[in-house]
Amino acid sequence: MDSPALQNNVALARLRRGEIEKSVEMLEEIARENPQFATAASNLALVLRHWLFEDERAGVYEAQALAMETPQLSEAVLYELLSPVEDTAPAVPPVDGRAAGQPTAADSQEAKD
C-alpha cells in the first residue's frame, strides 16, 4: 500500500473492527513517513484522545496536523462556491392530477386513524 490516503482508510477500518492498537500503529507509521499528510495525524490525535484517553500524546499529533499549511481559496473561488446554483432538473410530473408532495386521500385517512 503506497498511498497514505489508502493506508489511512485501512487504519480507520481496523479501528471500526475494534483493532485499536493496530490502527494506532498504522496511523503513527503513516504520520511518521508522510509528515505532509495531515489527515493521518489528525485521525491519530482523535483516536489517542477519544479511544485511549492519551491527551498528551494526542496533543503532539494535533499540533502536527495544525502545523500543515492549509490551502487558501481566493475570493473568486469562495464566491463561486457560495453562490446559489440554478436548479436545472426537470419538474416532477404530477401524479394522479396532484402536484408532487400533496397528500392523497389515503394519507388523510391514515392521519385520522
Protein backbone atom coordinates (compact mmCIF):
# COMPACT_ATOMS: atom_id res chain seq x y z
CA MET A 1 0.00 0.00 0.00
CA ASP A 2 1.79 3.08 -1.22
CA SER A 3 -0.88 5.74 -0.87
CA PRO A 4 -1.08 7.36 2.58
CA ALA A 5 -4.78 8.01 1.98
CA LEU A 6 -5.38 4.31 1.32
CA GLN A 7 -3.32 3.32 4.37
CA ASN A 8 -5.29 5.84 6.44
CA ASN A 9 -8.58 4.28 5.31
CA VAL A 10 -7.34 0.79 6.19
CA ALA A 11 -6.31 2.05 9.64
CA LEU A 12 -9.78 3.52 10.16
CA ALA A 13 -11.38 0.25 9.01
CA ARG A 14 -9.28 -1.57 11.61
CA LEU A 15 -10.47 0.91 14.22
CA ARG A 16 -14.09 0.14 13.32
CA ARG A 17 -13.33 -3.57 13.72
CA GLY A 18 -12.06 -2.87 17.24
CA GLU A 19 -8.37 -3.24 16.37
CA ILE A 20 -7.45 -0.01 18.16
CA GLU A 21 -3.77 -0.74 18.82
CA LYS A 22 -3.16 -1.88 15.23
CA SER A 23 -4.98 1.21 13.96
CA VAL A 24 -2.80 3.45 16.13
CA GLU A 25 0.36 1.68 14.91
CA MET A 26 -0.66 2.20 11.30
CA LEU A 27 -1.61 5.86 11.80
CA GLU A 28 1.68 6.53 13.61
CA GLU A 29 3.61 4.98 10.74
CA ILE A 30 1.67 6.99 8.16
CA ALA A 31 2.19 10.22 10.12
CA ARG A 32 5.91 9.48 10.53
CA GLU A 33 6.53 8.51 6.90
CA ASN A 34 4.22 11.15 5.38
CA PRO A 35 4.52 14.23 7.62
CA GLN A 36 2.76 16.35 4.98
CA PHE A 37 -0.38 14.14 5.18
CA ALA A 38 -2.33 15.96 7.89
CA THR A 39 -5.28 13.56 7.77
CA ALA A 40 -3.34 10.72 9.40
CA ALA A 41 -2.01 12.98 12.17
CA SER A 42 -5.49 14.36 12.78
CA ASN A 43 -7.09 10.89 12.87
CA LEU A 44 -4.36 9.62 15.15
CA ALA A 45 -4.91 12.52 17.53
CA LEU A 46 -8.64 11.74 17.65
CA VAL A 47 -8.04 8.04 18.36
CA LEU A 48 -5.48 8.79 21.06
CA ARG A 49 -7.70 11.37 22.74
CA HIS A 50 -11.11 9.69 22.50
CA TRP A 51 -10.34 5.96 22.49
CA LEU A 52 -7.16 5.70 24.54
CA PHE A 53 -7.52 8.91 26.58
CA GLU A 54 -3.89 9.84 25.96
CA ASP A 55 -4.31 13.61 25.85
CA GLU A 56 -0.61 14.49 25.94
CA ARG A 57 0.28 12.18 23.07
CA ALA A 58 -2.80 13.34 21.14
CA GLY A 59 -1.65 16.94 21.51
CA VAL A 60 1.58 16.17 19.66
CA TYR A 61 -0.30 14.87 16.62
CA GLU A 62 -2.89 17.66 16.79
CA ALA A 63 -0.04 20.16 16.64
CA GLN A 64 1.48 18.28 13.69
CA ALA A 65 -1.83 18.35 11.82
CA LEU A 66 -2.44 22.03 12.59
CA ALA A 67 1.08 22.96 11.50
CA MET A 68 0.34 21.84 7.96
CA GLU A 69 -0.21 24.65 5.51
CA THR A 70 -3.92 25.00 4.86
CA PRO A 71 -4.80 25.69 1.25
CA GLN A 72 -6.27 29.16 0.83
CA LEU A 73 -9.14 29.82 -1.54
CA SER A 74 -9.28 33.06 -3.47
CA GLU A 75 -12.26 35.39 -3.10
CA ALA A 76 -13.43 34.42 -6.60
CA VAL A 77 -13.41 30.71 -5.75
CA LEU A 78 -15.23 31.32 -2.47
CA TYR A 79 -17.83 33.41 -4.30
CA GLU A 80 -18.40 30.59 -6.80
CA LEU A 81 -18.71 28.00 -4.03
CA LEU A 82 -21.15 30.07 -2.01
CA SER A 83 -23.27 31.33 -4.91
CA PRO A 84 -26.69 29.74 -5.34
CA VAL A 85 -26.91 27.23 -8.15
CA GLU A 86 -29.79 27.29 -10.61
CA ASP A 87 -31.90 24.16 -10.39
CA THR A 88 -31.90 22.74 -13.90
CA ALA A 89 -33.59 19.46 -13.05
CA PRO A 90 -36.88 18.92 -14.87
CA ALA A 91 -40.04 19.45 -12.86
CA VAL A 92 -41.59 16.35 -11.34
CA PRO A 93 -44.70 15.45 -13.32
CA PRO A 94 -48.00 15.39 -11.43
CA VAL A 95 -49.26 12.04 -10.16
CA ASP A 96 -52.99 11.39 -10.46
CA GLY A 97 -53.56 15.08 -11.15
CA ARG A 98 -51.77 16.16 -7.94
CA ALA A 99 -48.59 18.15 -7.67
CA ALA A 100 -45.65 16.36 -6.09
CA GLY A 101 -45.76 16.47 -2.31
CA GLN A 102 -49.52 16.94 -1.95
CA PRO A 103 -51.20 14.38 0.31
CA THR A 104 -53.55 11.77 -1.11
CA ALA A 105 -56.92 10.73 0.29
CA ALA A 106 -55.19 7.65 1.71
CA ASP A 107 -52.69 9.88 3.52
CA SER A 108 -55.54 11.89 5.03
CA GLN A 109 -57.30 8.71 6.17
CA GLU A 110 -54.10 7.36 7.78
CA ALA A 111 -53.68 10.62 9.68
CA LYS A 112 -57.22 10.28 11.09
CA ASP A 113 -56.61 6.70 12.28
